[in-house]
Amino acid sequence: MKWNIAVVIPSYKVKRHILGVLAGIPSDVDRIYVVDDACPEQSGRLVEQQCTDLRVRVIYLPVNSGVGGATLAGFQAAARDGMHIAVKLDGDGQMNPSLIRRFVKPIIDGHADYTKGNRFYNLNGLSSMPPIRLFGNSLLSFVNKTISGYWNIMDPTNGFVAIHTRLLQVLPVDQIEKRYFFESDMLFRLNTIRAVVLDIPMAAFYGEEKSSLHISNVAVTFPRKYATRIVKRVFYNYFLRDFNVCSLQIIIGGLLLTWAVLYGGLRWYLSIASGIPATSGTVMLAALPFILGTQFLLEAVRYDISHIPGRPLHRLLVDAAKEKPDMEDETTAE
């Protein structure tokens, strides 16, 4: 089978680098989509005028949609044109196009639905990463493990990704965040459809381009987004689509901890107000549920870690598409 591979390049204020990025894309890529995200530098026009690569298609977005919006527009165009895999590459030259083969191979081999870069794999290469980014990415990686359910990955904000385009049929594309939260939200959405995600080791590289993502914006907006998505993921996976031992552990652990906090807090307040120390029995009525509740929730986390999606979804979707014509023929015959 011939796998058709596309590269999607969101283009916004990358006029100085875009032609060099296009020149470095390997020959086994079948289609290249440059998505001009209402770029004030008119990078799309530059590509049309100066790039002679016949594989290149320029997509113009009427309004700026953010990196996520531009990426999804490119992914959808690739799917419509019959591409099997779409690889997202930044236009600022900070991602090595020669790694594209490494990103698509696990998908071609049937081991993954979605691959993403991991700059933390090679410890020797981390010296080039600014300390503030190293700390921030480490913290975000842990938080993203909890909201996405992919406990086996790191570097969640890495934008070097590849996806089997069949997944776009079942992903809620319209609901995915279009701006800076795109990578994290994409992982959350992938988990809700039980897609297999794998990390691809890559070197950390930072050129002269500066990130437009501000720490203050992250601190204000990201916690709310993280909180809503972890609640949704737990509800989808353990109460809506399935109910298992982890569901019971969450319920029991949550009730015990709620009792421990409310009862313990009340008794602590009354003890201070009256000046009478709480008895050992009163303390145990709060402490024991707290210990047991914590243990139940830790067991729920252990269960979640041990049930990371492991069966590639795109293979099931491809098989279903092959069977559909046969089913339609049988219906017509009847």
C-alpha atoms as a PDB file:
ATOM      1  CA  MET A   1       0.000   0.000   0.000  1.00  0.00           C
ATOM      2  CA  LYS A   2       1.242   3.468  -0.906  1.00  0.00           C
ATOM      3  CA  TRP A   3       0.911   5.834   2.030  1.00  0.00           C
ATOM      4  CA  ASN A   4       0.151   9.417   1.044  1.00  0.00           C
ATOM      5  CA  ILE A   5       1.886  11.816   3.423  1.00  0.00           C
ATOM      6  CA  ALA A   6       1.126  15.505   3.772  1.00  0.00           C
ATOM      7  CA  VAL A   7       2.869  18.280   5.659  1.00  0.00           C
ATOM      8  CA  VAL A   8       0.843  21.132   7.155  1.00  0.00           C
ATOM      9  CA  ILE A   9       2.627  24.416   7.914  1.00  0.00           C
ATOM     10  CA  PRO A  10       0.691  27.127   9.793  1.00  0.00           C
ATOM     11  CA  SER A  11       2.044  30.399   8.476  1.00  0.00           C
ATOM     12  CA  TYR A  12       1.888  33.541  10.588  1.00  0.00           C
ATOM     13  CA  LYS A  13       4.750  36.035  10.713  1.00  0.00           C
ATOM     14  CA  VAL A  14       7.275  33.499   9.395  1.00  0.00           C
ATOM     15  CA  LYS A  15       8.037  35.184   6.092  1.00  0.00           C
ATOM     16  CA  ARG A  16      11.815  35.079   6.701  1.00  0.00           C
ATOM     17  CA  HIS A  17      11.852  31.314   7.260  1.00  0.00           C
ATOM     18  CA  ILE A  18       9.020  29.740   5.280  1.00  0.00           C
ATOM     19  CA  LEU A  19      10.893  29.242   1.990  1.00  0.00           C
ATOM     20  CA  GLY A  20      13.803  27.590   3.770  1.00  0.00           C
ATOM     21  CA  VAL A  21      11.431  25.236   5.601  1.00  0.00           C
ATOM     22  CA  LEU A  22       9.746  24.253   2.340  1.00  0.00           C
ATOM     23  CA  ALA A  23      13.116  23.587   0.702  1.00  0.00           C
ATOM     24  CA  GLY A  24      14.036  21.124   3.458  1.00  0.00           C
ATOM     25  CA  ILE A  25      10.957  18.902   3.239  1.00  0.00           C
ATOM     26  CA  PRO A  26      11.948  15.429   1.969  1.00  0.00           C
ATOM     27  CA  SER A  27      10.857  14.134  -1.427  1.00  0.00           C
ATOM     28  CA  ASP A  28       8.722  11.284  -0.069  1.00  0.00           C
ATOM     29  CA  VAL A  29       6.143  13.826   1.169  1.00  0.00           C
ATOM     30  CA  ASP A  30       3.278  13.929  -1.340  1.00  0.00           C
ATOM     31  CA  ARG A  31       1.561  17.199  -0.491  1.00  0.00           C
ATOM     32  CA  ILE A  32       2.476  20.365   1.417  1.00  0.00           C
ATOM     33  CA  TYR A  33      -0.172  22.725   2.766  1.00  0.00           C
ATOM     34  CA  VAL A  34       0.930  26.229   3.727  1.00  0.00           C
ATOM     35  CA  VAL A  35      -1.902  27.711   5.772  1.00  0.00           C
ATOM     36  CA  ASP A  36      -1.751  31.512   5.625  1.00  0.00           C
ATOM     37  CA  ASP A  37      -3.445  32.358   8.933  1.00  0.00           C
ATOM     38  CA  ALA A  38      -4.384  35.914   7.916  1.00  0.00           C
ATOM     39  CA  CYS A  39      -0.658  36.617   8.011  1.00  0.00           C
ATOM     40  CA  PRO A  40       0.117  40.371   8.020  1.00  0.00           C
ATOM     41  CA  GLU A  41       3.324  39.622   6.096  1.00  0.00           C
ATOM     42  CA  GLN A  42       1.356  37.878   3.327  1.00  0.00           C
ATOM     43  CA  SER A  43       3.542  34.802   3.588  1.00  0.00           C
ATOM     44  CA  GLY A  44       1.077  32.834   1.469  1.00  0.00           C
ATOM     45  CA  ARG A  45       1.589  35.213  -1.466  1.00  0.00           C
ATOM     46  CA  LEU A  46       5.341  34.915  -1.041  1.00  0.00           C
ATOM     47  CA  VAL A  47       5.129  31.131  -1.290  1.00  0.00           C
ATOM     48  CA  GLU A  48       2.931  31.285  -4.392  1.00  0.00           C
ATOM     49  CA  GLN A  49       5.299  33.720  -6.085  1.00  0.00           C
ATOM     50  CA  GLN A  50       8.681  32.217  -5.192  1.00  0.00           C
ATOM     51  CA  CYS A  51       8.180  28.527  -4.395  1.00  0.00           C
ATOM     52  CA  THR A  52       8.355  26.234  -7.433  1.00  0.00           C
ATOM     53  CA  ASP A  53       7.614  23.003  -5.551  1.00  0.00           C
ATOM     54  CA  LEU A  54       4.568  21.463  -7.264  1.00  0.00           C
ATOM     55  CA  ARG A  55       3.551  19.726  -4.050  1.00  0.00           C
ATOM     56  CA  VAL A  56       2.748  23.022  -2.330  1.00  0.00           C
ATOM     57  CA  ARG A  57      -0.818  24.249  -1.870  1.00  0.00           C
ATOM     58  CA  VAL A  58      -1.583  27.552  -0.121  1.00  0.00           C
ATOM     59  CA  ILE A  59      -4.700  27.815   2.030  1.00  0.00           C
ATOM     60  CA  TYR A  60      -5.879  31.293   3.026  1.00  0.00           C
ATOM     61  CA  LEU A  61      -7.847  31.809   6.223  1.00  0.00           C
ATOM     62  CA  PRO A  62      -9.937  35.018   6.207  1.00  0.00           C
ATOM     63  CA  VAL A  63      -9.329  35.719   9.905  1.00  0.00           C
ATOM     64  CA  ASN A  64      -6.548  34.694  12.251  1.00  0.00           C
ATOM     65  CA  SER A  65      -7.536  31.352  13.797  1.00  0.00           C
ATOM     66  CA  GLY A  66      -4.433  30.628  15.863  1.00  0.00           C
ATOM     67  CA  VAL A  67      -1.999  27.772  15.444  1.00  0.00           C
ATOM     68  CA  GLY A  68      -4.673  25.197  16.240  1.00  0.00           C
ATOM     69  CA  GLY A  69      -7.173  26.606  13.776  1.00  0.00           C
ATOM     70  CA  ALA A  70      -4.569  26.752  11.003  1.00  0.00           C
ATOM     71  CA  THR A  71      -3.331  23.243  11.781  1.00  0.00           C
ATOM     72  CA  LEU A  72      -6.818  21.739  11.758  1.00  0.00           C
ATOM     73  CA  ALA A  73      -7.627  23.511   8.482  1.00  0.00           C
ATOM     74  CA  GLY A  74      -4.560  21.886   6.959  1.00  0.00           C
ATOM     75  CA  PHE A  75      -5.391  18.472   8.428  1.00  0.00           C
ATOM     76  CA  GLN A  76      -8.914  18.614   7.004  1.00  0.00           C
ATOM     77  CA  ALA A  77      -7.619  19.642   3.580  1.00  0.00           C
ATOM     78  CA  ALA A  78      -5.202  16.708   3.645  1.00  0.00           C
ATOM     79  CA  ALA A  79      -8.041  14.317   4.522  1.00  0.00           C
ATOM     80  CA  ARG A  80     -10.212  15.647   1.689  1.00  0.00           C
ATOM     81  CA  ASP A  81      -7.354  15.169  -0.780  1.00  0.00           C
ATOM     82  CA  GLY A  82      -6.893  11.514   0.188  1.00  0.00           C
ATOM     83  CA  MET A  83      -3.764  11.904   2.322  1.00  0.00           C
ATOM     84  CA  HIS A  84      -3.326   9.142   4.900  1.00  0.00           C
ATOM     85  CA  ILE A  85      -1.026  10.957   7.328  1.00  0.00           C
ATOM     86  CA  ALA A  86      -0.687  14.676   8.028  1.00  0.00           C
ATOM     87  CA  VAL A  87       2.394  16.062   9.757  1.00  0.00           C
ATOM     88  CA  LYS A  88       2.318  19.501  11.353  1.00  0.00           C
ATOM     89  CA  LEU A  89       5.532  21.473  10.953  1.00  0.00           C
ATOM     90  CA  ASP A  90       6.145  25.006  12.221  1.00  0.00           C
ATOM     91  CA  GLY A  91       7.146  27.616   9.697  1.00  0.00           C
ATOM     92  CA  ASP A  92       9.853  29.265  11.808  1.00  0.00           C
ATOM     93  CA  GLY A  93      12.569  26.721  11.034  1.00  0.00           C
ATOM     94  CA  GLN A  94      12.785  25.312  14.559  1.00  0.00           C
ATOM     95  CA  MET A  95      11.635  21.827  13.533  1.00  0.00           C
ATOM     96  CA  ASN A  96      13.865  19.543  11.481  1.00  0.00           C
ATOM     97  CA  PRO A  97      11.973  18.299   8.382  1.00  0.00           C
ATOM     98  CA  SER A  98      14.269  15.265   8.142  1.00  0.00           C
ATOM     99  CA  LEU A  99      12.480  13.872  11.226  1.00  0.00           C
ATOM    100  CA  ILE A 100       9.208  13.508   9.324  1.00  0.00           C
ATOM    101  CA  ARG A 101       9.967   9.876   8.477  1.00  0.00           C
ATOM    102  CA  ARG A 102      10.500   9.140  12.159  1.00  0.00           C
ATOM    103  CA  PHE A 103       7.100  10.614  13.005  1.00  0.00           C
ATOM    104  CA  VAL A 104       5.090   8.760  10.360  1.00  0.00           C
ATOM    105  CA  LYS A 105       6.706   5.325  10.754  1.00  0.00           C
ATOM    106  CA  PRO A 106       4.818   4.244  13.932  1.00  0.00           C
ATOM    107  CA  ILE A 107       1.540   5.175  12.226  1.00  0.00           C
ATOM    108  CA  ILE A 108       2.437   3.283   9.036  1.00  0.00           C
ATOM    109  CA  ASP A 109       3.519   0.259  11.078  1.00  0.00           C
ATOM    110  CA  GLY A 110       0.176   0.279  12.901  1.00  0.00           C
ATOM    111  CA  HIS A 111       1.588   1.108  16.335  1.00  0.00           C
ATOM    112  CA  ALA A 112       0.082   4.578  16.783  1.00  0.00           C
ATOM    113  CA  ASP A 113      -2.668   6.934  15.632  1.00  0.00           C
ATOM    114  CA  TYR A 114      -0.871  10.137  16.614  1.00  0.00           C
ATOM    115  CA  THR A 115       2.796  10.876  17.235  1.00  0.00           C
ATOM    116  CA  LYS A 116       4.352  13.922  18.842  1.00  0.00           C
ATOM    117  CA  GLY A 117       7.815  15.209  19.590  1.00  0.00           C
ATOM    118  CA  ASN A 118       9.522  14.809  22.958  1.00  0.00           C
ATOM    119  CA  ARG A 119      12.458  17.132  23.657  1.00  0.00           C
ATOM    120  CA  PHE A 120      13.037  15.575  27.095  1.00  0.00           C
ATOM    121  CA  TYR A 121      14.111  12.136  25.875  1.00  0.00           C
ATOM    122  CA  ASN A 122      17.763  13.015  25.282  1.00  0.00           C
ATOM    123  CA  LEU A 123      19.036  14.620  28.483  1.00  0.00           C
ATOM    124  CA  ASN A 124      22.236  15.839  26.822  1.00  0.00           C
ATOM    125  CA  GLY A 125      20.217  18.056  24.489  1.00  0.00           C
ATOM    126  CA  LEU A 126      18.303  19.857  27.213  1.00  0.00           C
ATOM    127  CA  SER A 127      21.141  22.300  27.800  1.00  0.00           C
ATOM    128  CA  SER A 128      19.874  24.337  24.834  1.00  0.00           C
ATOM    129  CA  MET A 129      16.434  24.762  26.400  1.00  0.00           C
ATOM    130  CA  PRO A 130      16.020  27.978  28.444  1.00  0.00           C
ATOM    131  CA  PRO A 131      15.614  27.139  32.176  1.00  0.00           C
ATOM    132  CA  ILE A 132      12.198  28.804  32.435  1.00  0.00           C
ATOM    133  CA  ARG A 133      10.913  26.706  29.526  1.00  0.00           C
ATOM    134  CA  LEU A 134      12.446  23.564  30.998  1.00  0.00           C
ATOM    135  CA  PHE A 135      10.676  24.121  34.311  1.00  0.00           C
ATOM    136  CA  GLY A 136       7.401  25.163  32.676  1.00  0.00           C
ATOM    137  CA  ASN A 137       7.344  22.203  30.305  1.00  0.00           C
ATOM    138  CA  SER A 138       8.127  19.768  33.110  1.00  0.00           C
ATOM    139  CA  LEU A 139       5.227  21.118  35.179  1.00  0.00           C
ATOM    140  CA  LEU A 140       2.854  21.180  32.211  1.00  0.00           C
ATOM    141  CA  SER A 141       3.859  17.623  31.313  1.00  0.00           C
ATOM    142  CA  PHE A 142       2.721  16.307  34.685  1.00  0.00           C
ATOM    143  CA  VAL A 143      -0.534  18.267  34.608  1.00  0.00           C
ATOM    144  CA  ASN A 144      -1.235  17.089  31.062  1.00  0.00           C
ATOM    145  CA  LYS A 145      -0.755  13.471  32.069  1.00  0.00           C
ATOM    146  CA  THR A 146      -3.695  13.824  34.441  1.00  0.00           C
ATOM    147  CA  ILE A 147      -6.036  15.637  32.045  1.00  0.00           C
ATOM    148  CA  SER A 148      -5.201  13.605  28.937  1.00  0.00           C
ATOM    149  CA  GLY A 149      -4.763  10.155  30.475  1.00  0.00           C
ATOM    150  CA  TYR A 150      -1.561   9.625  28.478  1.00  0.00           C
ATOM    151  CA  TRP A 151       0.747   8.950  31.407  1.00  0.00           C
ATOM    152  CA  ASN A 152       3.416   7.631  29.041  1.00  0.00           C
ATOM    153  CA  ILE A 153       4.200  10.914  27.266  1.00  0.00           C
ATOM    154  CA  MET A 154       6.127  14.094  28.021  1.00  0.00           C
ATOM    155  CA  ASP A 155       6.480  17.532  26.455  1.00  0.00           C
ATOM    156  CA  PRO A 156       2.732  17.999  25.740  1.00  0.00           C
ATOM    157  CA  THR A 157       3.136  21.477  24.216  1.00  0.00           C
ATOM    158  CA  ASN A 158       5.447  20.169  21.497  1.00  0.00           C
ATOM    159  CA  GLY A 159       3.926  21.178  18.167  1.00  0.00           C
ATOM    160  CA  PHE A 160       5.749  18.662  15.966  1.00  0.00           C
ATOM    161  CA  VAL A 161       2.956  16.100  15.488  1.00  0.00           C
ATOM    162  CA  ALA A 162       1.618  13.573  12.982  1.00  0.00           C
ATOM    163  CA  ILE A 163      -1.907  12.179  12.744  1.00  0.00           C
ATOM    164  CA  HIS A 164      -3.697   9.527  10.734  1.00  0.00           C
ATOM    165  CA  THR A 165      -6.360  11.498   8.898  1.00  0.00           C
ATOM    166  CA  ARG A 166      -9.019   8.837   9.604  1.00  0.00           C
ATOM    167  CA  LEU A 167      -9.154  10.163  13.165  1.00  0.00           C
ATOM    168  CA  LEU A 168     -10.638  13.419  11.887  1.00  0.00           C
ATOM    169  CA  GLN A 169     -13.846  11.468  11.189  1.00  0.00           C
ATOM    170  CA  VAL A 170     -14.401  10.819  14.890  1.00  0.00           C
ATOM    171  CA  LEU A 171     -12.644  13.744  16.549  1.00  0.00           C
ATOM    172  CA  PRO A 172     -14.874  16.702  17.539  1.00  0.00           C
ATOM    173  CA  VAL A 173     -12.802  19.079  15.396  1.00  0.00           C
ATOM    174  CA  ASP A 174     -15.094  22.058  15.985  1.00  0.00           C
ATOM    175  CA  GLN A 175     -14.638  21.741  19.760  1.00  0.00           C
ATOM    176  CA  ILE A 176     -10.833  21.580  19.807  1.00  0.00           C
ATOM    177  CA  GLU A 177      -9.084  24.712  21.097  1.00  0.00           C
ATOM    178  CA  LYS A 178      -7.741  26.771  18.232  1.00  0.00           C
ATOM    179  CA  ARG A 179      -5.032  28.791  19.964  1.00  0.00           C
ATOM    180  CA  TYR A 180      -2.304  28.207  22.564  1.00  0.00           C
ATOM    181  CA  PHE A 181      -4.130  25.395  24.344  1.00  0.00           C
ATOM    182  CA  PHE A 182      -4.382  23.428  21.101  1.00  0.00           C
ATOM    183  CA  GLU A 183      -1.741  20.751  21.808  1.00  0.00           C
ATOM    184  CA  SER A 184      -3.058  19.978  25.299  1.00  0.00           C
ATOM    185  CA  ASP A 185      -6.687  19.935  24.194  1.00  0.00           C
ATOM    186  CA  MET A 186      -5.810  17.705  21.251  1.00  0.00           C
ATOM    187  CA  LEU A 187      -4.403  15.096  23.634  1.00  0.00           C
ATOM    188  CA  PHE A 188      -7.533  15.282  25.775  1.00  0.00           C
ATOM    189  CA  ARG A 189      -9.772  14.812  22.721  1.00  0.00           C
ATOM    190  CA  LEU A 190      -7.641  11.933  21.456  1.00  0.00           C
ATOM    191  CA  ASN A 191      -8.057  10.122  24.770  1.00  0.00           C
ATOM    192  CA  THR A 192     -11.841  10.472  24.640  1.00  0.00           C
ATOM    193  CA  ILE A 193     -11.806   8.428  21.403  1.00  0.00           C
ATOM    194  CA  ARG A 194      -9.139   6.039  22.819  1.00  0.00           C
ATOM    195  CA  ALA A 195      -6.504   6.834  20.189  1.00  0.00           C
ATOM    196  CA  VAL A 196      -2.924   5.596  20.652  1.00  0.00           C
ATOM    197  CA  VAL A 197      -0.343   8.366  21.132  1.00  0.00           C
ATOM    198  CA  LEU A 198       3.432   7.859  21.027  1.00  0.00           C
ATOM    199  CA  ASP A 199       6.351  10.174  21.799  1.00  0.00           C
ATOM    200  CA  ILE A 200       9.093  10.650  19.206  1.00  0.00           C
ATOM    201  CA  PRO A 201      12.509  11.697  20.599  1.00  0.00           C
ATOM    202  CA  MET A 202      13.846  14.905  19.098  1.00  0.00           C
ATOM    203  CA  ALA A 203      16.427  17.537  19.949  1.00  0.00           C
ATOM    204  CA  ALA A 204      15.459  20.804  21.593  1.00  0.00           C
ATOM    205  CA  PHE A 205      16.275  23.792  19.420  1.00  0.00           C
ATOM    206  CA  TYR A 206      15.541  27.477  19.872  1.00  0.00           C
ATOM    207  CA  GLY A 207      16.352  30.074  17.277  1.00  0.00           C
ATOM    208  CA  GLU A 208      15.780  33.794  17.349  1.00  0.00           C
ATOM    209  CA  GLU A 209      11.981  33.524  17.232  1.00  0.00           C
ATOM    210  CA  LYS A 210      10.257  34.472  20.492  1.00  0.00           C
ATOM    211  CA  SER A 211       7.170  32.797  21.838  1.00  0.00           C
ATOM    212  CA  SER A 212       4.049  34.970  21.959  1.00  0.00           C
ATOM    213  CA  LEU A 213       2.625  32.879  24.782  1.00  0.00           C
ATOM    214  CA  HIS A 214       2.890  34.870  28.002  1.00  0.00           C
ATOM    215  CA  ILE A 215       3.236  33.354  31.489  1.00  0.00           C
ATOM    216  CA  SER A 216       0.442  35.588  32.791  1.00  0.00           C
ATOM    217  CA  ASN A 217      -1.926  34.248  30.130  1.00  0.00           C
ATOM    218  CA  VAL A 218      -1.055  30.666  31.042  1.00  0.00           C
ATOM    219  CA  ALA A 219      -1.518  31.292  34.765  1.00  0.00           C
ATOM    220  CA  VAL A 220      -4.952  32.874  34.284  1.00  0.00           C
ATOM    221  CA  THR A 221      -6.569  30.760  31.570  1.00  0.00           C
ATOM    222  CA  PHE A 222      -4.922  27.325  31.657  1.00  0.00           C
ATOM    223  CA  PRO A 223      -5.942  26.187  35.196  1.00  0.00           C
ATOM    224  CA  ARG A 224      -9.649  26.536  34.362  1.00  0.00           C
ATOM    225  CA  LYS A 225      -9.190  24.679  31.084  1.00  0.00           C
ATOM    226  CA  TYR A 226      -7.239  21.908  32.810  1.00  0.00           C
ATOM    227  CA  ALA A 227      -9.850  21.530  35.563  1.00  0.00           C
ATOM    228  CA  THR A 228     -12.794  21.241  33.177  1.00  0.00           C
ATOM    229  CA  ARG A 229     -11.040  18.688  30.994  1.00  0.00           C
ATOM    230  CA  ILE A 230      -9.959  16.359  33.772  1.00  0.00           C
ATOM    231  CA  VAL A 231     -13.535  16.295  35.075  1.00  0.00           C
ATOM    232  CA  LYS A 232     -14.845  15.601  31.567  1.00  0.00           C
ATOM    233  CA  ARG A 233     -12.299  12.840  30.930  1.00  0.00           C
ATOM    234  CA  VAL A 234     -13.068  11.041  34.181  1.00  0.00           C
ATOM    235  CA  PHE A 235     -16.808  11.321  33.527  1.00  0.00           C
ATOM    236  CA  TYR A 236     -16.528  10.141  29.898  1.00  0.00           C
ATOM    237  CA  ASN A 237     -14.216   7.202  30.602  1.00  0.00           C
ATOM    238  CA  TYR A 238     -15.463   5.927  33.955  1.00  0.00           C
ATOM    239  CA  PHE A 239     -19.126   6.862  34.207  1.00  0.00           C
ATOM    240  CA  LEU A 240     -20.576   7.508  30.739  1.00  0.00           C
ATOM    241  CA  ARG A 241     -18.830   4.961  28.500  1.00  0.00           C
ATOM    242  CA  ASP A 242     -17.891   2.461  31.175  1.00  0.00           C
ATOM    243  CA  PHE A 243     -18.413   1.682  34.848  1.00  0.00           C
ATOM    244  CA  ASN A 244     -15.761  -0.461  36.463  1.00  0.00           C
ATOM    245  CA  VAL A 245     -13.649  -0.857  39.585  1.00  0.00           C
ATOM    246  CA  CYS A 246     -12.004   2.527  38.978  1.00  0.00           C
ATOM    247  CA  SER A 247     -15.448   4.156  38.992  1.00  0.00           C
ATOM    248  CA  LEU A 248     -16.161   2.647  42.410  1.00  0.00           C
ATOM    249  CA  GLN A 249     -12.771   3.735  43.735  1.00  0.00           C
ATOM    250  CA  ILE A 250     -13.456   7.320  42.628  1.00  0.00           C
ATOM    251  CA  ILE A 251     -16.899   7.353  44.244  1.00  0.00           C
ATOM    252  CA  ILE A 252     -15.845   5.749  47.530  1.00  0.00           C
ATOM    253  CA  GLY A 253     -12.614   7.741  47.754  1.00  0.00           C
ATOM    254  CA  GLY A 254     -14.418  10.989  46.992  1.00  0.00           C
ATOM    255  CA  LEU A 255     -17.124  10.373  49.622  1.00  0.00           C
ATOM    256  CA  LEU A 256     -14.595   9.420  52.297  1.00  0.00           C
ATOM    257  CA  LEU A 257     -12.416  12.462  51.640  1.00  0.00           C
ATOM    258  CA  THR A 258     -15.444  14.755  51.602  1.00  0.00           C
ATOM    259  CA  TRP A 259     -16.567  13.382  54.966  1.00  0.00           C
ATOM    260  CA  ALA A 260     -13.052  13.690  56.401  1.00  0.00           C
ATOM    261  CA  VAL A 261     -12.662  17.311  55.320  1.00  0.00           C
ATOM    262  CA  LEU A 262     -16.132  18.462  56.375  1.00  0.00           C
ATOM    263  CA  TYR A 263     -16.328  16.573  59.666  1.00  0.00           C
ATOM    264  CA  GLY A 264     -12.687  17.197  60.566  1.00  0.00           C
ATOM    265  CA  GLY A 265     -12.984  20.881  59.732  1.00  0.00           C
ATOM    266  CA  LEU A 266     -16.148  21.226  61.809  1.00  0.00           C
ATOM    267  CA  ARG A 267     -14.685  19.433  64.838  1.00  0.00           C
ATOM    268  CA  TRP A 268     -11.473  21.457  64.559  1.00  0.00           C
ATOM    269  CA  TYR A 269     -13.477  24.714  64.552  1.00  0.00           C
ATOM    270  CA  LEU A 270     -15.625  23.645  67.523  1.00  0.00           C
ATOM    271  CA  SER A 271     -12.528  22.563  69.441  1.00  0.00           C
ATOM    272  CA  ILE A 272     -10.902  25.983  68.956  1.00  0.00           C
ATOM    273  CA  ALA A 273     -14.119  27.856  69.753  1.00  0.00           C
ATOM    274  CA  SER A 274     -14.777  25.911  72.963  1.00  0.00           C
ATOM    275  CA  GLY A 275     -11.157  25.510  74.061  1.00  0.00           C
ATOM    276  CA  ILE A 276     -11.773  21.800  74.623  1.00  0.00           C
ATOM    277  CA  PRO A 277      -9.336  19.469  72.794  1.00  0.00           C
ATOM    278  CA  ALA A 278     -10.929  16.861  70.545  1.00  0.00           C
ATOM    279  CA  THR A 279     -10.869  13.285  71.817  1.00  0.00           C
ATOM    280  CA  SER A 280      -8.812  10.605  70.086  1.00  0.00           C
ATOM    281  CA  GLY A 281     -12.014   8.999  68.835  1.00  0.00           C
ATOM    282  CA  THR A 282     -13.134  12.263  67.231  1.00  0.00           C
ATOM    283  CA  VAL A 283      -9.742  12.644  65.557  1.00  0.00           C
ATOM    284  CA  MET A 284      -9.912   9.086  64.190  1.00  0.00           C
ATOM    285  CA  LEU A 285     -13.394   9.692  62.739  1.00  0.00           C
ATOM    286  CA  ALA A 286     -11.765  12.282  60.490  1.00  0.00           C
ATOM    287  CA  ALA A 287      -8.293  10.785  60.045  1.00  0.00           C
ATOM    288  CA  LEU A 288      -9.311   7.241  59.111  1.00  0.00           C
ATOM    289  CA  PRO A 289     -11.717   8.277  56.289  1.00  0.00           C
ATOM    290  CA  PHE A 290      -9.051  10.672  55.043  1.00  0.00           C
ATOM    291  CA  ILE A 291      -6.438   7.902  54.858  1.00  0.00           C
ATOM    292  CA  LEU A 292      -8.820   5.416  53.275  1.00  0.00           C
ATOM    293  CA  GLY A 293     -10.194   7.983  50.832  1.00  0.00           C
ATOM    294  CA  THR A 294      -6.694   8.944  49.726  1.00  0.00           C
ATOM    295  CA  GLN A 295      -5.835   5.261  49.237  1.00  0.00           C
ATOM    296  CA  PHE A 296      -8.933   4.649  47.118  1.00  0.00           C
ATOM    297  CA  LEU A 297      -8.133   7.629  44.886  1.00  0.00           C
ATOM    298  CA  LEU A 298      -4.497   6.554  44.528  1.00  0.00           C
ATOM    299  CA  GLU A 299      -5.727   3.143  43.410  1.00  0.00           C
ATOM    300  CA  ALA A 300      -7.973   4.878  40.880  1.00  0.00           C
ATOM    301  CA  VAL A 301      -4.939   6.740  39.520  1.00  0.00           C
ATOM    302  CA  ARG A 302      -3.001   3.456  39.347  1.00  0.00           C
ATOM    303  CA  TYR A 303      -5.846   1.901  37.358  1.00  0.00           C
ATOM    304  CA  ASP A 304      -5.928   4.898  35.008  1.00  0.00           C
ATOM    305  CA  ILE A 305      -2.174   4.680  34.419  1.00  0.00           C
ATOM    306  CA  SER A 306      -2.388   0.971  33.607  1.00  0.00           C
ATOM    307  CA  HIS A 307      -5.193   1.488  31.056  1.00  0.00           C
ATOM    308  CA  ILE A 308      -3.571   3.854  28.551  1.00  0.00           C
ATOM    309  CA  PRO A 309      -5.045   3.261  25.055  1.00  0.00           C
ATOM    310  CA  GLY A 310      -3.034   0.516  23.352  1.00  0.00           C
ATOM    311  CA  ARG A 311      -5.024  -0.512  20.254  1.00  0.00           C
ATOM    312  CA  PRO A 312      -4.625   1.890  17.309  1.00  0.00           C
ATOM    313  CA  LEU A 313      -7.991   3.319  16.368  1.00  0.00           C
ATOM    314  CA  HIS A 314      -7.212   4.117  12.749  1.00  0.00           C
ATOM    315  CA  ARG A 315      -6.905   0.425  11.905  1.00  0.00           C
ATOM    316  CA  LEU A 316     -10.437  -0.167  13.157  1.00  0.00           C
ATOM    317  CA  LEU A 317     -11.728   2.818  11.163  1.00  0.00           C
ATOM    318  CA  VAL A 318     -10.009   1.617   7.981  1.00  0.00           C
ATOM    319  CA  ASP A 319     -11.412  -1.903   8.417  1.00  0.00           C
ATOM    320  CA  ALA A 320     -14.888  -0.485   9.038  1.00  0.00           C
ATOM    321  CA  ALA A 321     -14.656   1.598   5.855  1.00  0.00           C
ATOM    322  CA  LYS A 322     -13.715  -1.523   3.867  1.00  0.00           C
ATOM    323  CA  GLU A 323     -16.642  -3.491   5.271  1.00  0.00           C
ATOM    324  CA  LYS A 324     -19.206  -0.727   4.703  1.00  0.00           C
ATOM    325  CA  PRO A 325     -19.566  -1.200   0.912  1.00  0.00           C
ATOM    326  CA  ASP A 326     -20.140  -4.947   1.439  1.00  0.00           C
ATOM    327  CA  MET A 327     -22.852  -4.230   3.997  1.00  0.00           C
ATOM    328  CA  GLU A 328     -24.492  -1.725   1.648  1.00  0.00           C
ATOM    329  CA  ASP A 329     -24.464  -4.301  -1.176  1.00  0.00           C
ATOM    330  CA  GLU A 330     -26.155  -6.861   1.054  1.00  0.00           C
ATOM    331  CA  THR A 331     -28.821  -4.338   2.037  1.00  0.00           C
ATOM    332  CA  THR A 332     -29.452  -3.450  -1.602  1.00  0.00           C
ATOM    333  CA  ALA A 333     -29.767  -7.130  -2.549  1.00  0.00           C
ATOM    334  CA  GLU A 334     -32.404  -7.646   0.095  1.00  0.00           C
END
